[in-house]
Amino acid sequence: MSMTEIVSFLDLSVFPSVALIFFLAAFISILWKVLTKPRSESDMEANIPLNDDVVLTPRYAVKTEQADDKGVSHA
């Protein structure tokens, strides 16, 4: 039995419905989160690109690689 025959017997019409349900659930959850956010928090986040004087601390530490003086020549 070939793969084409096996796939032709499957009922694949349920997958678009499942995908639509997942999309709607994600859309509604994002919409709910946006609409229930306090106005002051939204205004603060909207002004982030305009605030050059405010330094935001990162959520995690960024590791930087520094060259040791061993074996590295700086001419």
PDB file of N, CA and C in Angstrom:
ATOM      1  N   MET A   1       0.848  -1.166   0.000  1.00  0.00           N
ATOM      2  CA  MET A   1       0.000   0.000   0.000  1.00  0.00           C
ATOM      3  C   MET A   1       0.899   1.237   0.000  1.00  0.00           C
ATOM      4  N   SER A   2       0.669   2.143  -0.914  1.00  0.00           N
ATOM      5  CA  SER A   2       1.507   3.330  -1.037  1.00  0.00           C
ATOM      6  C   SER A   2       1.030   4.430  -0.077  1.00  0.00           C
ATOM      7  N   MET A   3       1.870   5.393   0.107  1.00  0.00           N
ATOM      8  CA  MET A   3       1.553   6.500   1.005  1.00  0.00           C
ATOM      9  C   MET A   3       0.367   7.307   0.480  1.00  0.00           C
ATOM     10  N   THR A   4       0.240   7.443  -0.810  1.00  0.00           N
ATOM     11  CA  THR A   4      -0.881   8.173  -1.409  1.00  0.00           C
ATOM     12  C   THR A   4      -2.211   7.513  -1.073  1.00  0.00           C
ATOM     13  N   GLU A   5      -2.252   6.206  -1.109  1.00  0.00           N
ATOM     14  CA  GLU A   5      -3.487   5.491  -0.771  1.00  0.00           C
ATOM     15  C   GLU A   5      -3.830   5.630   0.709  1.00  0.00           C
ATOM     16  N   ILE A   6      -2.813   5.604   1.548  1.00  0.00           N
ATOM     17  CA  ILE A   6      -3.047   5.748   2.992  1.00  0.00           C
ATOM     18  C   ILE A   6      -3.592   7.134   3.308  1.00  0.00           C
ATOM     19  N   VAL A   7      -2.983   8.161   2.735  1.00  0.00           N
ATOM     20  CA  VAL A   7      -3.398   9.538   3.002  1.00  0.00           C
ATOM     21  C   VAL A   7      -4.771   9.812   2.410  1.00  0.00           C
ATOM     22  N   SER A   8      -5.100   9.190   1.305  1.00  0.00           N
ATOM     23  CA  SER A   8      -6.403   9.446   0.685  1.00  0.00           C
ATOM     24  C   SER A   8      -7.554   8.899   1.538  1.00  0.00           C
ATOM     25  N   PHE A   9      -7.299   7.931   2.394  1.00  0.00           N
ATOM     26  CA  PHE A   9      -8.344   7.390   3.263  1.00  0.00           C
ATOM     27  C   PHE A   9      -8.516   8.199   4.557  1.00  0.00           C
ATOM     28  N   LEU A  10      -7.565   9.055   4.869  1.00  0.00           N
ATOM     29  CA  LEU A  10      -7.644   9.842   6.100  1.00  0.00           C
ATOM     30  C   LEU A  10      -8.635  10.986   5.948  1.00  0.00           C
ATOM     31  N   ASP A  11      -9.291  11.305   7.033  1.00  0.00           N
ATOM     32  CA  ASP A  11     -10.203  12.452   7.042  1.00  0.00           C
ATOM     33  C   ASP A  11      -9.436  13.661   7.566  1.00  0.00           C
ATOM     34  N   LEU A  12      -8.966  14.502   6.661  1.00  0.00           N
ATOM     35  CA  LEU A  12      -8.137  15.646   7.029  1.00  0.00           C
ATOM     36  C   LEU A  12      -8.941  16.933   7.192  1.00  0.00           C
ATOM     37  N   SER A  13     -10.259  16.832   7.154  1.00  0.00           N
ATOM     38  CA  SER A  13     -11.070  18.037   7.239  1.00  0.00           C
ATOM     39  C   SER A  13     -11.125  18.620   8.650  1.00  0.00           C
ATOM     40  N   VAL A  14     -10.645  17.913   9.646  1.00  0.00           N
ATOM     41  CA  VAL A  14     -10.686  18.410  11.023  1.00  0.00           C
ATOM     42  C   VAL A  14      -9.539  19.388  11.300  1.00  0.00           C
ATOM     43  N   PHE A  15      -8.453  19.312  10.571  1.00  0.00           N
ATOM     44  CA  PHE A  15      -7.294  20.155  10.838  1.00  0.00           C
ATOM     45  C   PHE A  15      -7.550  21.648  10.643  1.00  0.00           C
ATOM     46  N   PRO A  16      -8.245  22.087   9.594  1.00  0.00           N
ATOM     47  CA  PRO A  16      -8.545  23.523   9.508  1.00  0.00           C
ATOM     48  C   PRO A  16      -9.396  24.026  10.671  1.00  0.00           C
ATOM     49  N   SER A  17     -10.314  23.218  11.148  1.00  0.00           N
ATOM     50  CA  SER A  17     -11.142  23.616  12.281  1.00  0.00           C
ATOM     51  C   SER A  17     -10.310  23.746  13.557  1.00  0.00           C
ATOM     52  N   VAL A  18      -9.408  22.816  13.779  1.00  0.00           N
ATOM     53  CA  VAL A  18      -8.528  22.872  14.949  1.00  0.00           C
ATOM     54  C   VAL A  18      -7.610  24.091  14.861  1.00  0.00           C
ATOM     55  N   ALA A  19      -7.069  24.365  13.692  1.00  0.00           N
ATOM     56  CA  ALA A  19      -6.201  25.529  13.511  1.00  0.00           C
ATOM     57  C   ALA A  19      -6.969  26.819  13.767  1.00  0.00           C
ATOM     58  N   LEU A  20      -8.221  26.888  13.314  1.00  0.00           N
ATOM     59  CA  LEU A  20      -9.042  28.072  13.553  1.00  0.00           C
ATOM     60  C   LEU A  20      -9.300  28.264  15.043  1.00  0.00           C
ATOM     61  N   ILE A  21      -9.553  27.182  15.759  1.00  0.00           N
ATOM     62  CA  ILE A  21      -9.788  27.278  17.202  1.00  0.00           C
ATOM     63  C   ILE A  21      -8.534  27.764  17.922  1.00  0.00           C
ATOM     64  N   PHE A  22      -7.361  27.242  17.549  1.00  0.00           N
ATOM     65  CA  PHE A  22      -6.114  27.710  18.160  1.00  0.00           C
ATOM     66  C   PHE A  22      -5.869  29.180  17.860  1.00  0.00           C
ATOM     67  N   PHE A  23      -6.096  29.598  16.625  1.00  0.00           N
ATOM     68  CA  PHE A  23      -5.898  30.997  16.253  1.00  0.00           C
ATOM     69  C   PHE A  23      -6.836  31.895  17.036  1.00  0.00           C
ATOM     70  N   LEU A  24      -8.100  31.533  17.131  1.00  0.00           N
ATOM     71  CA  LEU A  24      -9.055  32.356  17.863  1.00  0.00           C
ATOM     72  C   LEU A  24      -8.710  32.426  19.351  1.00  0.00           C
ATOM     73  N   ALA A  25      -8.266  31.325  19.934  1.00  0.00           N
ATOM     74  CA  ALA A  25      -7.874  31.331  21.341  1.00  0.00           C
ATOM     75  C   ALA A  25      -6.684  32.262  21.570  1.00  0.00           C
ATOM     76  N   ALA A  26      -5.693  32.203  20.694  1.00  0.00           N
ATOM     77  CA  ALA A  26      -4.530  33.086  20.818  1.00  0.00           C
ATOM     78  C   ALA A  26      -4.938  34.543  20.611  1.00  0.00           C
ATOM     79  N   PHE A  27      -5.767  34.808  19.622  1.00  0.00           N
ATOM     80  CA  PHE A  27      -6.199  36.177  19.337  1.00  0.00           C
ATOM     81  C   PHE A  27      -6.995  36.753  20.504  1.00  0.00           C
ATOM     82  N   ILE A  28      -7.899  35.983  21.059  1.00  0.00           N
ATOM     83  CA  ILE A  28      -8.731  36.467  22.166  1.00  0.00           C
ATOM     84  C   ILE A  28      -7.878  36.685  23.415  1.00  0.00           C
ATOM     85  N   SER A  29      -6.909  35.807  23.674  1.00  0.00           N
ATOM     86  CA  SER A  29      -6.063  35.988  24.858  1.00  0.00           C
ATOM     87  C   SER A  29      -5.176  37.224  24.731  1.00  0.00           C
ATOM     88  N   ILE A  30      -4.638  37.484  23.545  1.00  0.00           N
ATOM     89  CA  ILE A  30      -3.826  38.682  23.332  1.00  0.00           C
ATOM     90  C   ILE A  30      -4.694  39.930  23.433  1.00  0.00           C
ATOM     91  N   LEU A  31      -5.874  39.889  22.851  1.00  0.00           N
ATOM     92  CA  LEU A  31      -6.798  41.022  22.917  1.00  0.00           C
ATOM     93  C   LEU A  31      -7.187  41.313  24.365  1.00  0.00           C
ATOM     94  N   TRP A  32      -7.461  40.276  25.141  1.00  0.00           N
ATOM     95  CA  TRP A  32      -7.823  40.442  26.554  1.00  0.00           C
ATOM     96  C   TRP A  32      -6.678  41.086  27.335  1.00  0.00           C
ATOM     97  N   LYS A  33      -5.442  40.617  27.073  1.00  0.00           N
ATOM     98  CA  LYS A  33      -4.283  41.162  27.783  1.00  0.00           C
ATOM     99  C   LYS A  33      -4.085  42.639  27.442  1.00  0.00           C
ATOM    100  N   VAL A  34      -4.274  42.992  26.194  1.00  0.00           N
ATOM    101  CA  VAL A  34      -4.085  44.386  25.780  1.00  0.00           C
ATOM    102  C   VAL A  34      -5.180  45.282  26.352  1.00  0.00           C
ATOM    103  N   LEU A  35      -6.408  44.828  26.332  1.00  0.00           N
ATOM    104  CA  LEU A  35      -7.516  45.677  26.773  1.00  0.00           C
ATOM    105  C   LEU A  35      -7.611  45.799  28.292  1.00  0.00           C
ATOM    106  N   THR A  36      -7.049  44.871  29.042  1.00  0.00           N
ATOM    107  CA  THR A  36      -7.115  44.957  30.497  1.00  0.00           C
ATOM    108  C   THR A  36      -5.871  45.593  31.114  1.00  0.00           C
ATOM    109  N   LYS A  37      -4.907  45.993  30.281  1.00  0.00           N
ATOM    110  CA  LYS A  37      -3.695  46.639  30.780  1.00  0.00           C
ATOM    111  C   LYS A  37      -4.038  48.062  31.230  1.00  0.00           C
ATOM    112  N   PRO A  38      -3.503  48.505  32.359  1.00  0.00           N
ATOM    113  CA  PRO A  38      -3.769  49.878  32.814  1.00  0.00           C
ATOM    114  C   PRO A  38      -3.263  50.919  31.810  1.00  0.00           C
ATOM    115  N   ARG A  39      -3.981  52.007  31.726  1.00  0.00           N
ATOM    116  CA  ARG A  39      -3.655  53.063  30.762  1.00  0.00           C
ATOM    117  C   ARG A  39      -2.266  53.651  31.034  1.00  0.00           C
ATOM    118  N   SER A  40      -1.906  53.805  32.302  1.00  0.00           N
ATOM    119  CA  SER A  40      -0.604  54.391  32.638  1.00  0.00           C
ATOM    120  C   SER A  40       0.544  53.511  32.144  1.00  0.00           C
ATOM    121  N   GLU A  41       0.382  52.209  32.242  1.00  0.00           N
ATOM    122  CA  GLU A  41       1.417  51.291  31.761  1.00  0.00           C
ATOM    123  C   GLU A  41       1.544  51.356  30.241  1.00  0.00           C
ATOM    124  N   SER A  42       0.422  51.470  29.553  1.00  0.00           N
ATOM    125  CA  SER A  42       0.456  51.583  28.097  1.00  0.00           C
ATOM    126  C   SER A  42       1.128  52.880  27.665  1.00  0.00           C
ATOM    127  N   ASP A  43       0.834  53.977  28.368  1.00  0.00           N
ATOM    128  CA  ASP A  43       1.460  55.259  28.037  1.00  0.00           C
ATOM    129  C   ASP A  43       2.963  55.222  28.272  1.00  0.00           C
ATOM    130  N   MET A  44       3.383  54.585  29.374  1.00  0.00           N
ATOM    131  CA  MET A  44       4.805  54.476  29.664  1.00  0.00           C
ATOM    132  C   MET A  44       5.522  53.678  28.571  1.00  0.00           C
ATOM    133  N   GLU A  45       4.926  52.561  28.143  1.00  0.00           N
ATOM    134  CA  GLU A  45       5.543  51.743  27.100  1.00  0.00           C
ATOM    135  C   GLU A  45       5.532  52.449  25.744  1.00  0.00           C
ATOM    136  N   ALA A  46       4.525  53.265  25.497  1.00  0.00           N
ATOM    137  CA  ALA A  46       4.464  53.992  24.233  1.00  0.00           C
ATOM    138  C   ALA A  46       5.541  55.060  24.145  1.00  0.00           C
ATOM    139  N   ASN A  47       5.983  55.574  25.288  1.00  0.00           N
ATOM    140  CA  ASN A  47       6.985  56.640  25.300  1.00  0.00           C
ATOM    141  C   ASN A  47       8.414  56.136  25.427  1.00  0.00           C
ATOM    142  N   ILE A  48       8.627  54.835  25.452  1.00  0.00           N
ATOM    143  CA  ILE A  48       9.984  54.288  25.590  1.00  0.00           C
ATOM    144  C   ILE A  48      10.919  54.790  24.481  1.00  0.00           C
ATOM    145  N   PRO A  49      10.533  54.813  23.206  1.00  0.00           N
ATOM    146  CA  PRO A  49      11.463  55.307  22.183  1.00  0.00           C
ATOM    147  C   PRO A  49      11.781  56.793  22.322  1.00  0.00           C
ATOM    148  N   LEU A  50      10.930  57.562  22.981  1.00  0.00           N
ATOM    149  CA  LEU A  50      11.141  58.996  23.108  1.00  0.00           C
ATOM    150  C   LEU A  50      11.961  59.368  24.335  1.00  0.00           C
ATOM    151  N   ASN A  51      12.070  58.483  25.307  1.00  0.00           N
ATOM    152  CA  ASN A  51      12.799  58.762  26.546  1.00  0.00           C
ATOM    153  C   ASN A  51      14.264  58.371  26.382  1.00  0.00           C
ATOM    154  N   ASP A  52      15.088  59.343  25.996  1.00  0.00           N
ATOM    155  CA  ASP A  52      16.512  59.062  25.824  1.00  0.00           C
ATOM    156  C   ASP A  52      17.258  59.065  27.156  1.00  0.00           C
ATOM    157  N   ASP A  53      16.722  59.745  28.159  1.00  0.00           N
ATOM    158  CA  ASP A  53      17.416  59.885  29.432  1.00  0.00           C
ATOM    159  C   ASP A  53      17.203  58.688  30.353  1.00  0.00           C
ATOM    160  N   VAL A  54      16.177  57.898  30.127  1.00  0.00           N
ATOM    161  CA  VAL A  54      15.861  56.774  31.000  1.00  0.00           C
ATOM    162  C   VAL A  54      16.648  55.549  30.544  1.00  0.00           C
ATOM    163  N   VAL A  55      17.381  54.949  31.478  1.00  0.00           N
ATOM    164  CA  VAL A  55      18.153  53.753  31.174  1.00  0.00           C
ATOM    165  C   VAL A  55      17.376  52.560  31.715  1.00  0.00           C
ATOM    166  N   LEU A  56      17.006  51.655  30.832  1.00  0.00           N
ATOM    167  CA  LEU A  56      16.279  50.461  31.233  1.00  0.00           C
ATOM    168  C   LEU A  56      17.266  49.338  31.511  1.00  0.00           C
ATOM    169  N   THR A  57      17.092  48.666  32.624  1.00  0.00           N
ATOM    170  CA  THR A  57      17.975  47.548  32.945  1.00  0.00           C
ATOM    171  C   THR A  57      17.461  46.298  32.247  1.00  0.00           C
ATOM    172  N   PRO A  58      18.356  45.494  31.695  1.00  0.00           N
ATOM    173  CA  PRO A  58      17.913  44.277  31.010  1.00  0.00           C
ATOM    174  C   PRO A  58      17.384  43.251  32.005  1.00  0.00           C
ATOM    175  N   ARG A  59      16.553  42.361  31.530  1.00  0.00           N
ATOM    176  CA  ARG A  59      15.983  41.326  32.383  1.00  0.00           C
ATOM    177  C   ARG A  59      16.995  40.248  32.731  1.00  0.00           C
ATOM    178  N   TYR A  60      18.023  40.112  31.934  1.00  0.00           N
ATOM    179  CA  TYR A  60      19.039  39.095  32.182  1.00  0.00           C
ATOM    180  C   TYR A  60      20.404  39.695  31.888  1.00  0.00           C
ATOM    181  N   ALA A  61      21.411  39.126  32.494  1.00  0.00           N
ATOM    182  CA  ALA A  61      22.768  39.621  32.314  1.00  0.00           C
ATOM    183  C   ALA A  61      23.318  39.166  30.966  1.00  0.00           C
ATOM    184  N   VAL A  62      23.986  40.057  30.304  1.00  0.00           N
ATOM    185  CA  VAL A  62      24.591  39.756  29.018  1.00  0.00           C
ATOM    186  C   VAL A  62      26.064  39.459  29.249  1.00  0.00           C
ATOM    187  N   LYS A  63      26.485  38.277  28.835  1.00  0.00           N
ATOM    188  CA  LYS A  63      27.880  37.904  28.991  1.00  0.00           C
ATOM    189  C   LYS A  63      28.678  38.435  27.810  1.00  0.00           C
ATOM    190  N   THR A  64      29.774  39.089  28.110  1.00  0.00           N
ATOM    191  CA  THR A  64      30.657  39.572  27.054  1.00  0.00           C
ATOM    192  C   THR A  64      31.991  38.854  27.188  1.00  0.00           C
ATOM    193  N   GLU A  65      32.548  38.536  26.066  1.00  0.00           N
ATOM    194  CA  GLU A  65      33.843  37.865  26.064  1.00  0.00           C
ATOM    195  C   GLU A  65      34.930  38.920  25.994  1.00  0.00           C
ATOM    196  N   GLN A  66      35.839  38.872  26.965  1.00  0.00           N
ATOM    197  CA  GLN A  66      36.955  39.802  26.982  1.00  0.00           C
ATOM    198  C   GLN A  66      38.227  39.014  26.770  1.00  0.00           C
ATOM    199  N   ALA A  67      39.084  39.581  25.961  1.00  0.00           N
ATOM    200  CA  ALA A  67      40.358  38.914  25.682  1.00  0.00           C
ATOM    201  C   ALA A  67      41.293  39.053  26.872  1.00  0.00           C
ATOM    202  N   ASP A  68      41.905  37.956  27.271  1.00  0.00           N
ATOM    203  CA  ASP A  68      42.896  37.997  28.338  1.00  0.00           C
ATOM    204  C   ASP A  68      44.193  38.541  27.770  1.00  0.00           C
ATOM    205  N   ASP A  69      45.031  39.029  28.657  1.00  0.00           N
ATOM    206  CA  ASP A  69      46.325  39.556  28.211  1.00  0.00           C
ATOM    207  C   ASP A  69      47.296  38.450  27.869  1.00  0.00           C
ATOM    208  N   LYS A  70      46.963  37.210  28.198  1.00  0.00           N
ATOM    209  CA  LYS A  70      47.854  36.077  27.893  1.00  0.00           C
ATOM    210  C   LYS A  70      47.802  35.745  26.418  1.00  0.00           C
ATOM    211  N   GLY A  71      48.896  35.900  25.739  1.00  0.00           N
ATOM    212  CA  GLY A  71      48.977  35.484  24.350  1.00  0.00           C
ATOM    213  C   GLY A  71      48.342  36.460  23.375  1.00  0.00           C
ATOM    214  N   VAL A  72      47.782  37.535  23.868  1.00  0.00           N
ATOM    215  CA  VAL A  72      47.179  38.520  22.978  1.00  0.00           C
ATOM    216  C   VAL A  72      48.086  39.728  22.918  1.00  0.00           C
ATOM    217  N   SER A  73      48.507  40.060  21.735  1.00  0.00           N
ATOM    218  CA  SER A  73      49.386  41.206  21.586  1.00  0.00           C
ATOM    219  C   SER A  73      48.599  42.382  21.024  1.00  0.00           C
ATOM    220  N   HIS A  74      48.775  43.507  21.660  1.00  0.00           N
ATOM    221  CA  HIS A  74      48.127  44.733  21.204  1.00  0.00           C
ATOM    222  C   HIS A  74      49.218  45.657  20.691  1.00  0.00           C
ATOM    223  N   ALA A  75      49.300  45.787  19.390  1.00  0.00           N
ATOM    224  CA  ALA A  75      50.371  46.587  18.821  1.00  0.00           C
ATOM    225  C   ALA A  75      49.912  47.957  18.426  1.00  0.00           C
TER     226      ALA A  75
END
